């Protein structure tokens, strides 16, 4: 659970805990023997104070270091994003778009470039998203997704109503299994694992001087723009 934190911080925390517990355990053992009136070697007040004070300080450092390591790992998990596609979009003419989509596997492998001609002001990439409860995300369970649609989008509703939509399914579109998750995924025994299943889309304006990176996060799809 703390594999994403600096190993030095983890080592410091564990080492401080181990070293700090030893003198505290020694002090508690002596207190216990004193209560039970058992014989033991005499030790001065200074030694007892150093055992309690030094041990307590080290335990505090250890707890703080491990707490910080866990906090860093939690931040890493909930801000982690996986690169799932690369998109380029050029404007061929007024509201005539050409989209180049390159799917990217979880191991970084780039798939075959897909080309789509769309009508609209923006391009849209949509898909299915299965989100898990925070406790599952902390354990390393990643968001499940499927990119199923590429389509054009009109900025104004009246234009969207009067123009024929241009849309293309990918990977067979949304499957019956995904539809079942939409309806029942967060109910019943799976509810303590699954936060939600739904469709989600991201849109952007065309820009021949930019590449759009599509990511999936614990909350679904996001898109970042970078210059060529």
C-alpha atoms as a PDB file:
ATOM      1  CA  UNK A   1       0.000   0.000   0.000  1.00  0.00           C
ATOM      2  CA  UNK A   2       2.989   2.284   0.461  1.00  0.00           C
ATOM      3  CA  UNK A   3       4.943   1.185  -2.613  1.00  0.00           C
ATOM      4  CA  UNK A   4       4.489   4.613  -4.202  1.00  0.00           C
ATOM      5  CA  UNK A   5       6.100   6.485  -1.288  1.00  0.00           C
ATOM      6  CA  UNK A   6       9.862   7.161  -1.136  1.00  0.00           C
ATOM      7  CA  UNK A   7      11.525   4.025   0.250  1.00  0.00           C
ATOM      8  CA  UNK A   8      13.711   6.153   2.526  1.00  0.00           C
ATOM      9  CA  UNK A   9      10.595   7.476   4.262  1.00  0.00           C
ATOM     10  CA  UNK A  10       9.224   3.974   4.758  1.00  0.00           C
ATOM     11  CA  UNK A  11      12.590   2.712   6.034  1.00  0.00           C
ATOM     12  CA  UNK A  12      12.858   5.646   8.444  1.00  0.00           C
ATOM     13  CA  UNK A  13       9.377   4.990   9.812  1.00  0.00           C
ATOM     14  CA  UNK A  14       9.874   1.270  10.326  1.00  0.00           C
ATOM     15  CA  UNK A  15      13.362   1.714  11.783  1.00  0.00           C
ATOM     16  CA  UNK A  16      12.251   4.425  14.221  1.00  0.00           C
ATOM     17  CA  UNK A  17       9.313   2.291  15.365  1.00  0.00           C
ATOM     18  CA  UNK A  18      11.490  -0.762  15.997  1.00  0.00           C
ATOM     19  CA  UNK A  19      14.214   1.176  17.815  1.00  0.00           C
ATOM     20  CA  UNK A  20      11.689   3.214  19.805  1.00  0.00           C
ATOM     21  CA  UNK A  21       9.630   0.248  20.952  1.00  0.00           C
ATOM     22  CA  UNK A  22      12.651  -1.513  22.520  1.00  0.00           C
ATOM     23  CA  UNK A  23      13.303   0.988  25.395  1.00  0.00           C
ATOM     24  CA  UNK A  24       9.570   1.462  25.994  1.00  0.00           C
ATOM     25  CA  UNK A  25       9.111  -2.297  26.252  1.00  0.00           C
ATOM     26  CA  UNK A  26      12.043  -2.408  28.693  1.00  0.00           C
ATOM     27  CA  UNK A  27      10.441   0.305  30.833  1.00  0.00           C
ATOM     28  CA  UNK A  28       7.012  -1.364  30.816  1.00  0.00           C
ATOM     29  CA  UNK A  29       8.589  -4.680  31.738  1.00  0.00           C
ATOM     30  CA  UNK A  30      10.263  -3.064  34.734  1.00  0.00           C
ATOM     31  CA  UNK A  31       6.988  -1.402  35.776  1.00  0.00           C
ATOM     32  CA  UNK A  32       5.225  -4.752  35.556  1.00  0.00           C
ATOM     33  CA  UNK A  33       7.857  -6.499  37.650  1.00  0.00           C
ATOM     34  CA  UNK A  34       7.681  -3.691  40.214  1.00  0.00           C
ATOM     35  CA  UNK A  35       3.890  -4.012  40.484  1.00  0.00           C
ATOM     36  CA  UNK A  36       4.199  -7.774  40.922  1.00  0.00           C
ATOM     37  CA  UNK A  37       7.061  -7.245  43.419  1.00  0.00           C
ATOM     38  CA  UNK A  38       9.476  -9.387  41.472  1.00  0.00           C
ATOM     39  CA  UNK A  39      13.226  -8.913  41.839  1.00  0.00           C
ATOM     40  CA  UNK A  40      15.084  -6.962  39.135  1.00  0.00           C
ATOM     41  CA  UNK A  41      18.346  -5.138  38.623  1.00  0.00           C
ATOM     42  CA  UNK A  42      18.262  -1.540  39.906  1.00  0.00           C
ATOM     43  CA  UNK A  43      18.232   1.301  37.358  1.00  0.00           C
ATOM     44  CA  UNK A  44      18.459   5.032  37.921  1.00  0.00           C
ATOM     45  CA  UNK A  45      15.764   7.629  37.294  1.00  0.00           C
ATOM     46  CA  UNK A  46      17.753   9.073  34.398  1.00  0.00           C
ATOM     47  CA  UNK A  47      17.760   5.732  32.616  1.00  0.00           C
ATOM     48  CA  UNK A  48      14.023   5.414  32.995  1.00  0.00           C
ATOM     49  CA  UNK A  49      13.417   8.969  31.752  1.00  0.00           C
ATOM     50  CA  UNK A  50      15.664   8.393  28.733  1.00  0.00           C
ATOM     51  CA  UNK A  51      13.898   5.122  27.943  1.00  0.00           C
ATOM     52  CA  UNK A  52      10.438   6.683  28.033  1.00  0.00           C
ATOM     53  CA  UNK A  53      11.387  10.002  26.442  1.00  0.00           C
ATOM     54  CA  UNK A  54      13.716   8.660  23.772  1.00  0.00           C
ATOM     55  CA  UNK A  55      11.514   5.696  22.970  1.00  0.00           C
ATOM     56  CA  UNK A  56       8.410   7.878  22.773  1.00  0.00           C
ATOM     57  CA  UNK A  57      10.200  10.331  20.491  1.00  0.00           C
ATOM     58  CA  UNK A  58      11.337   7.577  18.142  1.00  0.00           C
ATOM     59  CA  UNK A  59       7.898   5.981  18.047  1.00  0.00           C
ATOM     60  CA  UNK A  60       6.416   9.393  17.260  1.00  0.00           C
ATOM     61  CA  UNK A  61       8.887   9.884  14.426  1.00  0.00           C
ATOM     62  CA  UNK A  62       8.103   6.423  13.095  1.00  0.00           C
ATOM     63  CA  UNK A  63       4.343   6.953  13.177  1.00  0.00           C
ATOM     64  CA  UNK A  64       4.694  10.359  11.510  1.00  0.00           C
ATOM     65  CA  UNK A  65       6.962   8.995   8.774  1.00  0.00           C
ATOM     66  CA  UNK A  66       4.667   6.063   7.983  1.00  0.00           C
ATOM     67  CA  UNK A  67       1.616   8.346   8.136  1.00  0.00           C
ATOM     68  CA  UNK A  68       3.242  10.666   5.614  1.00  0.00           C
ATOM     69  CA  UNK A  69       4.155   7.705   3.416  1.00  0.00           C
ATOM     70  CA  UNK A  70       0.560   6.468   3.456  1.00  0.00           C
ATOM     71  CA  UNK A  71      -0.716   9.990   2.734  1.00  0.00           C
ATOM     72  CA  UNK A  72       1.634  10.259  -0.258  1.00  0.00           C
ATOM     73  CA  UNK A  73       0.486   6.878  -1.532  1.00  0.00           C
ATOM     74  CA  UNK A  74      -3.176   7.855  -1.104  1.00  0.00           C
ATOM     75  CA  UNK A  75      -2.583  11.060  -3.032  1.00  0.00           C
ATOM     76  CA  UNK A  76      -0.779   9.119  -5.764  1.00  0.00           C
ATOM     77  CA  UNK A  77      -3.587   6.589  -6.074  1.00  0.00           C
ATOM     78  CA  UNK A  78      -6.416   9.106  -6.294  1.00  0.00           C
ATOM     79  CA  UNK A  79      -4.570  11.408  -8.715  1.00  0.00           C
ATOM     80  CA  UNK A  80      -3.187   8.610 -10.897  1.00  0.00           C
ATOM     81  CA  UNK A  81      -4.164   8.709 -14.548  1.00  0.00           C
ATOM     82  CA  UNK A  82      -3.615   6.063 -17.212  1.00  0.00           C
ATOM     83  CA  UNK A  83      -2.924   7.109 -20.790  1.00  0.00           C
ATOM     84  CA  UNK A  84      -5.489   5.261 -22.925  1.00  0.00           C
ATOM     85  CA  UNK A  85      -5.549   7.074 -26.272  1.00  0.00           C
ATOM     86  CA  UNK A  86      -3.992   9.823 -28.335  1.00  0.00           C
ATOM     87  CA  UNK A  87      -6.207  12.010 -30.507  1.00  0.00           C
ATOM     88  CA  UNK A  88      -5.463  14.492 -33.286  1.00  0.00           C
ATOM     89  CA  UNK A  89      -8.181  16.486 -34.997  1.00  0.00           C
ATOM     90  CA  UNK A  90      -7.881  18.791 -38.013  1.00  0.00           C
ATOM     91  CA  UNK A  91     -10.528  20.952 -39.604  1.00  0.00           C
ATOM     92  CA  UNK A  92     -10.994  20.067 -43.288  1.00  0.00           C
ATOM     93  CA  UNK A  93     -13.539  22.825 -43.771  1.00  0.00           C
ATOM     94  CA  UNK A  94     -16.261  24.655 -41.877  1.00  0.00           C
ATOM     95  CA  UNK A  95     -17.561  22.110 -39.348  1.00  0.00           C
ATOM     96  CA  UNK A  96     -15.857  19.274 -41.220  1.00  0.00           C
ATOM     97  CA  UNK A  97     -13.436  17.386 -38.969  1.00  0.00           C
ATOM     98  CA  UNK A  98     -10.996  14.530 -39.391  1.00  0.00           C
ATOM     99  CA  UNK A  99     -10.001  12.646 -36.261  1.00  0.00           C
ATOM    100  CA  UNK A 100      -6.991  10.381 -35.842  1.00  0.00           C
ATOM    101  CA  UNK A 101      -7.258   8.148 -32.776  1.00  0.00           C
ATOM    102  CA  UNK A 102      -4.476   5.899 -31.513  1.00  0.00           C
ATOM    103  CA  UNK A 103      -5.529   3.553 -28.677  1.00  0.00           C
ATOM    104  CA  UNK A 104      -2.868   2.874 -26.044  1.00  0.00           C
ATOM    105  CA  UNK A 105      -2.807  -0.320 -24.013  1.00  0.00           C
ATOM    106  CA  UNK A 106      -2.032  -0.373 -20.283  1.00  0.00           C
ATOM    107  CA  UNK A 107       1.489  -1.582 -21.020  1.00  0.00           C
ATOM    108  CA  UNK A 108       2.071   1.441 -23.264  1.00  0.00           C
ATOM    109  CA  UNK A 109       1.665  -0.400 -26.558  1.00  0.00           C
ATOM    110  CA  UNK A 110       0.290   1.854 -29.299  1.00  0.00           C
ATOM    111  CA  UNK A 111      -2.499   0.451 -31.414  1.00  0.00           C
ATOM    112  CA  UNK A 112      -3.316   1.041 -35.071  1.00  0.00           C
ATOM    113  CA  UNK A 113      -4.313   4.590 -36.018  1.00  0.00           C
ATOM    114  CA  UNK A 114      -8.052   4.951 -36.608  1.00  0.00           C
ATOM    115  CA  UNK A 115      -9.424   7.696 -38.874  1.00  0.00           C
ATOM    116  CA  UNK A 116     -12.913   9.235 -38.582  1.00  0.00           C
ATOM    117  CA  UNK A 117     -14.529  12.004 -40.624  1.00  0.00           C
ATOM    118  CA  UNK A 118     -17.037  13.960 -38.556  1.00  0.00           C
ATOM    119  CA  UNK A 119     -19.346  16.935 -38.834  1.00  0.00           C
ATOM    120  CA  UNK A 120     -19.646  19.449 -36.014  1.00  0.00           C
ATOM    121  CA  UNK A 121     -17.744  22.056 -34.048  1.00  0.00           C
ATOM    122  CA  UNK A 122     -15.985  19.583 -31.742  1.00  0.00           C
ATOM    123  CA  UNK A 123     -14.853  15.993 -31.702  1.00  0.00           C
ATOM    124  CA  UNK A 124     -16.067  13.689 -28.948  1.00  0.00           C
ATOM    125  CA  UNK A 125     -14.653  10.420 -27.655  1.00  0.00           C
ATOM    126  CA  UNK A 126     -16.984   8.455 -25.387  1.00  0.00           C
ATOM    127  CA  UNK A 127     -17.046   5.150 -23.609  1.00  0.00           C
ATOM    128  CA  UNK A 128     -18.051   3.056 -20.640  1.00  0.00           C
ATOM    129  CA  UNK A 129     -16.564   3.553 -17.167  1.00  0.00           C
ATOM    130  CA  UNK A 130     -16.678   1.272 -14.122  1.00  0.00           C
ATOM    131  CA  UNK A 131     -15.597   3.081 -10.943  1.00  0.00           C
ATOM    132  CA  UNK A 132     -14.704   1.344  -7.684  1.00  0.00           C
ATOM    133  CA  UNK A 133     -15.152   2.348  -4.053  1.00  0.00           C
ATOM    134  CA  UNK A 134     -12.271   4.333  -2.488  1.00  0.00           C
ATOM    135  CA  UNK A 135     -11.229   1.338  -0.360  1.00  0.00           C
ATOM    136  CA  UNK A 136     -10.746  -0.717  -3.508  1.00  0.00           C
ATOM    137  CA  UNK A 137      -8.850   2.102  -5.226  1.00  0.00           C
ATOM    138  CA  UNK A 138      -6.474   2.270  -2.240  1.00  0.00           C
ATOM    139  CA  UNK A 139      -5.789  -1.439  -2.695  1.00  0.00           C
ATOM    140  CA  UNK A 140      -4.704  -0.758  -6.282  1.00  0.00           C
ATOM    141  CA  UNK A 141      -7.882  -1.690  -8.165  1.00  0.00           C
ATOM    142  CA  UNK A 142      -7.979   0.526 -11.255  1.00  0.00           C
ATOM    143  CA  UNK A 143     -10.934   1.963 -13.135  1.00  0.00           C
ATOM    144  CA  UNK A 144     -12.246  -0.327 -15.887  1.00  0.00           C
ATOM    145  CA  UNK A 145     -13.093   1.386 -19.157  1.00  0.00           C
ATOM    146  CA  UNK A 146     -13.941   0.850 -22.796  1.00  0.00           C
ATOM    147  CA  UNK A 147     -13.729   3.471 -25.566  1.00  0.00           C
ATOM    148  CA  UNK A 148     -16.810   2.806 -27.660  1.00  0.00           C
ATOM    149  CA  UNK A 149     -17.719   5.931 -29.620  1.00  0.00           C
ATOM    150  CA  UNK A 150     -16.212   8.701 -31.737  1.00  0.00           C
ATOM    151  CA  UNK A 151     -18.595  11.410 -32.876  1.00  0.00           C
ATOM    152  CA  UNK A 152     -19.033  15.039 -33.816  1.00  0.00           C
ATOM    153  CA  UNK A 153     -20.570  17.600 -31.489  1.00  0.00           C
ATOM    154  CA  UNK A 154     -22.329  20.878 -32.170  1.00  0.00           C
ATOM    155  CA  UNK A 155     -21.849  23.708 -29.716  1.00  0.00           C
ATOM    156  CA  UNK A 156     -25.381  25.047 -30.169  1.00  0.00           C
ATOM    157  CA  UNK A 157     -28.429  22.901 -29.491  1.00  0.00           C
ATOM    158  CA  UNK A 158     -30.391  24.215 -32.479  1.00  0.00           C
ATOM    159  CA  UNK A 159     -27.582  23.148 -34.817  1.00  0.00           C
ATOM    160  CA  UNK A 160     -27.407  19.743 -33.164  1.00  0.00           C
ATOM    161  CA  UNK A 161     -31.164  19.375 -33.758  1.00  0.00           C
ATOM    162  CA  UNK A 162     -31.060  20.321 -37.433  1.00  0.00           C
ATOM    163  CA  UNK A 163     -27.900  18.483 -38.541  1.00  0.00           C
ATOM    164  CA  UNK A 164     -27.503  14.776 -39.020  1.00  0.00           C
ATOM    165  CA  UNK A 165     -25.266  13.317 -36.342  1.00  0.00           C
ATOM    166  CA  UNK A 166     -22.000  11.664 -37.362  1.00  0.00           C
ATOM    167  CA  UNK A 167     -20.978   8.902 -34.963  1.00  0.00           C
ATOM    168  CA  UNK A 168     -18.916   5.734 -35.153  1.00  0.00           C
ATOM    169  CA  UNK A 169     -18.919   2.778 -32.774  1.00  0.00           C
ATOM    170  CA  UNK A 170     -15.674   1.195 -31.620  1.00  0.00           C
ATOM    171  CA  UNK A 171     -15.178  -2.333 -30.320  1.00  0.00           C
ATOM    172  CA  UNK A 172     -18.800  -3.172 -31.069  1.00  0.00           C
ATOM    173  CA  UNK A 173     -20.194  -0.287 -29.010  1.00  0.00           C
ATOM    174  CA  UNK A 174     -21.595  -0.693 -25.512  1.00  0.00           C
ATOM    175  CA  UNK A 175     -22.076  -4.402 -24.834  1.00  0.00           C
ATOM    176  CA  UNK A 176     -24.918  -6.120 -22.968  1.00  0.00           C
ATOM    177  CA  UNK A 177     -22.491  -6.781 -20.119  1.00  0.00           C
ATOM    178  CA  UNK A 178     -21.851  -3.064 -19.721  1.00  0.00           C
ATOM    179  CA  UNK A 179     -25.569  -2.339 -19.859  1.00  0.00           C
ATOM    180  CA  UNK A 180     -26.078  -4.830 -17.029  1.00  0.00           C
ATOM    181  CA  UNK A 181     -23.442  -2.997 -14.997  1.00  0.00           C
ATOM    182  CA  UNK A 182     -25.215   0.296 -15.758  1.00  0.00           C
ATOM    183  CA  UNK A 183     -28.434  -1.081 -14.258  1.00  0.00           C
ATOM    184  CA  UNK A 184     -27.222  -3.281 -11.434  1.00  0.00           C
ATOM    185  CA  UNK A 185     -23.503  -2.659 -10.906  1.00  0.00           C
ATOM    186  CA  UNK A 186     -23.796  -0.637  -7.701  1.00  0.00           C
ATOM    187  CA  UNK A 187     -26.609  -2.727  -6.231  1.00  0.00           C
ATOM    188  CA  UNK A 188     -26.644  -5.909  -4.203  1.00  0.00           C
ATOM    189  CA  UNK A 189     -23.430  -7.695  -3.177  1.00  0.00           C
ATOM    190  CA  UNK A 190     -21.307  -5.776  -5.706  1.00  0.00           C
ATOM    191  CA  UNK A 191     -22.352  -2.451  -4.218  1.00  0.00           C
ATOM    192  CA  UNK A 192     -19.596  -2.544  -1.599  1.00  0.00           C
ATOM    193  CA  UNK A 193     -17.021  -2.857  -4.418  1.00  0.00           C
ATOM    194  CA  UNK A 194     -18.456  -0.736  -7.233  1.00  0.00           C
ATOM    195  CA  UNK A 195     -19.083   3.001  -6.918  1.00  0.00           C
ATOM    196  CA  UNK A 196     -20.817   3.305 -10.273  1.00  0.00           C
ATOM    197  CA  UNK A 197     -20.967   2.283 -13.926  1.00  0.00           C
ATOM    198  CA  UNK A 198     -21.918   4.790 -16.593  1.00  0.00           C
ATOM    199  CA  UNK A 199     -21.186   6.276 -19.985  1.00  0.00           C
ATOM    200  CA  UNK A 200     -18.864   9.251 -20.201  1.00  0.00           C
ATOM    201  CA  UNK A 201     -17.561  11.515 -22.953  1.00  0.00           C
ATOM    202  CA  UNK A 202     -14.895  14.179 -23.454  1.00  0.00           C
ATOM    203  CA  UNK A 203     -14.958  16.822 -26.197  1.00  0.00           C
ATOM    204  CA  UNK A 204     -12.555  19.384 -27.612  1.00  0.00           C
ATOM    205  CA  UNK A 205     -12.208  21.806 -30.504  1.00  0.00           C
ATOM    206  CA  UNK A 206     -10.047  20.801 -33.481  1.00  0.00           C
ATOM    207  CA  UNK A 207      -6.449  21.997 -33.475  1.00  0.00           C
ATOM    208  CA  UNK A 208      -3.982  20.825 -36.105  1.00  0.00           C
ATOM    209  CA  UNK A 209      -1.102  22.081 -33.948  1.00  0.00           C
ATOM    210  CA  UNK A 210      -2.005  19.960 -30.922  1.00  0.00           C
ATOM    211  CA  UNK A 211      -2.271  16.409 -29.677  1.00  0.00           C
ATOM    212  CA  UNK A 212      -4.964  15.447 -27.190  1.00  0.00           C
ATOM    213  CA  UNK A 213      -4.068  12.801 -24.620  1.00  0.00           C
ATOM    214  CA  UNK A 214      -7.008  10.820 -23.281  1.00  0.00           C
ATOM    215  CA  UNK A 215      -6.601   9.439 -19.765  1.00  0.00           C
ATOM    216  CA  UNK A 216      -8.716   7.361 -17.422  1.00  0.00           C
ATOM    217  CA  UNK A 217      -8.659   8.263 -13.706  1.00  0.00           C
ATOM    218  CA  UNK A 218     -10.485   6.864 -10.659  1.00  0.00           C
ATOM    219  CA  UNK A 219     -13.331   9.224 -11.664  1.00  0.00           C
ATOM    220  CA  UNK A 220     -13.388   8.476 -15.386  1.00  0.00           C
ATOM    221  CA  UNK A 221     -12.076  10.086 -18.576  1.00  0.00           C
ATOM    222  CA  UNK A 222     -10.127  13.327 -18.847  1.00  0.00           C
ATOM    223  CA  UNK A 223      -8.344  14.884 -21.820  1.00  0.00           C
ATOM    224  CA  UNK A 224      -5.157  16.983 -21.807  1.00  0.00           C
ATOM    225  CA  UNK A 225      -3.973  19.124 -24.694  1.00  0.00           C
ATOM    226  CA  UNK A 226      -0.328  19.507 -25.670  1.00  0.00           C
ATOM    227  CA  UNK A 227       1.357  21.344 -28.522  1.00  0.00           C
ATOM    228  CA  UNK A 228       2.983  19.426 -31.356  1.00  0.00           C
END
